Amino acid sequence: MSLSTHVLDSATGEPARGVPVRLERRDGDGWTTVAAGRTDTDGRLRDWVPEEAWGVGAFRLVFDTAAHSGPDAFFPEVAVVFQVADAARHYHVPLLLSPYGYTTYRGS
């Protein structure tokens, strides 16, 4: 069981430090927050999801990108929804951020 993320600012070529990130799990009533944290000095967040909160199902990472880009950010928040099919595998879901766009993918 593990989930990690990495936020990189592609406009500066630097890690996005201190970005608040929350992990939500889809349940019968919508989305429930199961973990929250901030990226470290290298823009990474790992070892932050409680074991009991992880499993097969739909999850959403919500990045507070305005905390990094400022209050006038075009994308003040980025939500990435993904499906966990095998909870025993490691999932890495990075975010490449620029002022007017973003990219994400399933990493290793």
Protein backbone atom coordinates (compact mmCIF):
# COMPACT_ATOMS: atom_id res chain seq x y z
CA MET A 1 0.00 0.00 0.00
CA SER A 2 1.47 3.27 -0.99
CA LEU A 3 0.77 6.47 -2.81
CA SER A 4 3.21 9.23 -3.61
CA THR A 5 3.08 12.42 -5.62
CA HIS A 6 5.55 14.99 -6.89
CA VAL A 7 4.72 18.54 -7.98
CA LEU A 8 7.10 20.25 -10.40
CA ASP A 9 6.78 23.84 -11.60
CA SER A 10 7.65 23.56 -15.29
CA ALA A 11 7.80 27.36 -15.68
CA THR A 12 10.69 27.63 -13.21
CA GLY A 13 12.11 24.12 -13.54
CA GLU A 14 11.94 23.77 -9.75
CA PRO A 15 9.99 21.57 -7.34
CA ALA A 16 6.79 23.13 -6.02
CA ARG A 17 7.45 23.26 -2.28
CA GLY A 18 4.75 23.41 0.38
CA VAL A 19 1.79 22.66 -1.90
CA PRO A 20 -1.18 21.43 0.17
CA VAL A 21 -2.52 18.12 -1.17
CA ARG A 22 -5.52 16.17 -0.02
CA LEU A 23 -6.51 12.62 -0.87
CA GLU A 24 -10.20 11.82 -1.13
CA ARG A 25 -11.94 8.48 -1.58
CA ARG A 26 -15.23 8.08 -3.42
CA ASP A 27 -17.95 6.58 -1.28
CA GLY A 28 -21.73 6.33 -1.50
CA ASP A 29 -22.17 10.00 -0.56
CA GLY A 30 -19.52 11.52 -2.81
CA TRP A 31 -15.94 12.19 -1.69
CA THR A 32 -14.42 11.81 1.77
CA THR A 33 -10.99 13.18 2.71
CA VAL A 34 -8.75 10.36 3.96
CA ALA A 35 -5.34 12.09 4.10
CA ALA A 36 -3.76 15.52 3.73
CA GLY A 37 -0.24 16.87 3.60
CA ARG A 38 2.17 19.31 1.95
CA THR A 39 4.93 18.70 -0.55
CA ASP A 40 8.45 18.75 0.90
CA THR A 41 11.41 20.84 -0.26
CA ASP A 42 11.81 18.51 -3.25
CA GLY A 43 8.11 18.88 -4.17
CA ARG A 44 7.36 15.32 -3.00
CA LEU A 45 4.74 13.83 -0.71
CA ARG A 46 5.08 10.20 0.36
CA ASP A 47 4.26 7.94 3.31
CA TRP A 48 1.20 10.02 4.15
CA VAL A 49 -1.81 7.77 3.58
CA PRO A 50 -3.05 5.74 6.57
CA GLU A 51 -3.14 2.01 5.80
CA GLU A 52 -6.83 1.73 6.69
CA ALA A 53 -7.71 4.49 4.19
CA TRP A 54 -6.11 2.75 1.20
CA GLY A 55 -7.71 0.08 -0.95
CA VAL A 56 -9.34 -0.73 -4.25
CA GLY A 57 -11.60 2.03 -5.53
CA ALA A 58 -11.73 5.57 -6.87
CA PHE A 59 -9.53 8.27 -5.36
CA ARG A 60 -8.98 11.96 -6.01
CA LEU A 61 -5.85 14.01 -5.35
CA VAL A 62 -6.68 17.69 -4.88
CA PHE A 63 -3.72 20.06 -5.22
CA ASP A 64 -4.07 23.61 -3.82
CA THR A 65 -2.01 25.13 -6.61
CA ALA A 66 -2.89 28.71 -5.59
CA ALA A 67 -0.70 28.16 -2.50
CA HIS A 68 2.24 27.87 -4.92
CA SER A 69 1.19 30.07 -7.85
CA GLY A 70 -0.56 32.85 -5.92
CA PRO A 71 -4.15 34.03 -5.49
CA ASP A 72 -4.49 35.03 -9.15
CA ALA A 73 -3.54 31.56 -10.43
CA PHE A 74 -5.47 30.51 -13.54
CA PHE A 75 -5.77 27.01 -12.03
CA PRO A 76 -6.11 27.65 -8.26
CA GLU A 77 -6.85 23.97 -7.69
CA VAL A 78 -6.17 20.80 -9.65
CA ALA A 79 -8.12 17.59 -9.02
CA VAL A 80 -6.84 14.29 -10.39
CA VAL A 81 -9.19 11.31 -10.20
CA PHE A 82 -7.71 7.83 -10.52
CA GLN A 83 -8.73 4.22 -9.99
CA VAL A 84 -6.85 1.78 -7.75
CA ALA A 85 -7.23 -1.78 -9.03
CA ASP A 86 -4.49 -3.43 -6.95
CA ALA A 87 -3.97 -1.87 -3.52
CA ALA A 88 -0.78 -3.90 -2.99
CA ARG A 89 1.02 -1.97 -5.76
CA HIS A 90 2.68 1.43 -5.42
CA TYR A 91 0.91 4.33 -7.13
CA HIS A 92 2.82 7.49 -8.05
CA VAL A 93 0.71 10.34 -9.46
CA PRO A 94 2.86 13.41 -10.23
CA LEU A 95 1.71 16.86 -11.33
CA LEU A 96 3.64 19.06 -13.76
CA LEU A 97 2.38 22.59 -13.27
CA SER A 98 2.69 25.69 -15.45
CA PRO A 99 0.83 29.02 -15.30
CA TYR A 100 -1.78 28.04 -17.89
CA GLY A 101 -1.68 24.26 -17.96
CA TYR A 102 -0.87 21.09 -16.13
CA THR A 103 -0.04 17.47 -16.89
CA THR A 104 -0.31 14.32 -14.85
CA TYR A 105 0.42 10.65 -15.43
CA ARG A 106 0.85 7.33 -13.65
CA GLY A 107 4.46 7.18 -12.58
CA SER A 108 6.49 4.42 -10.98
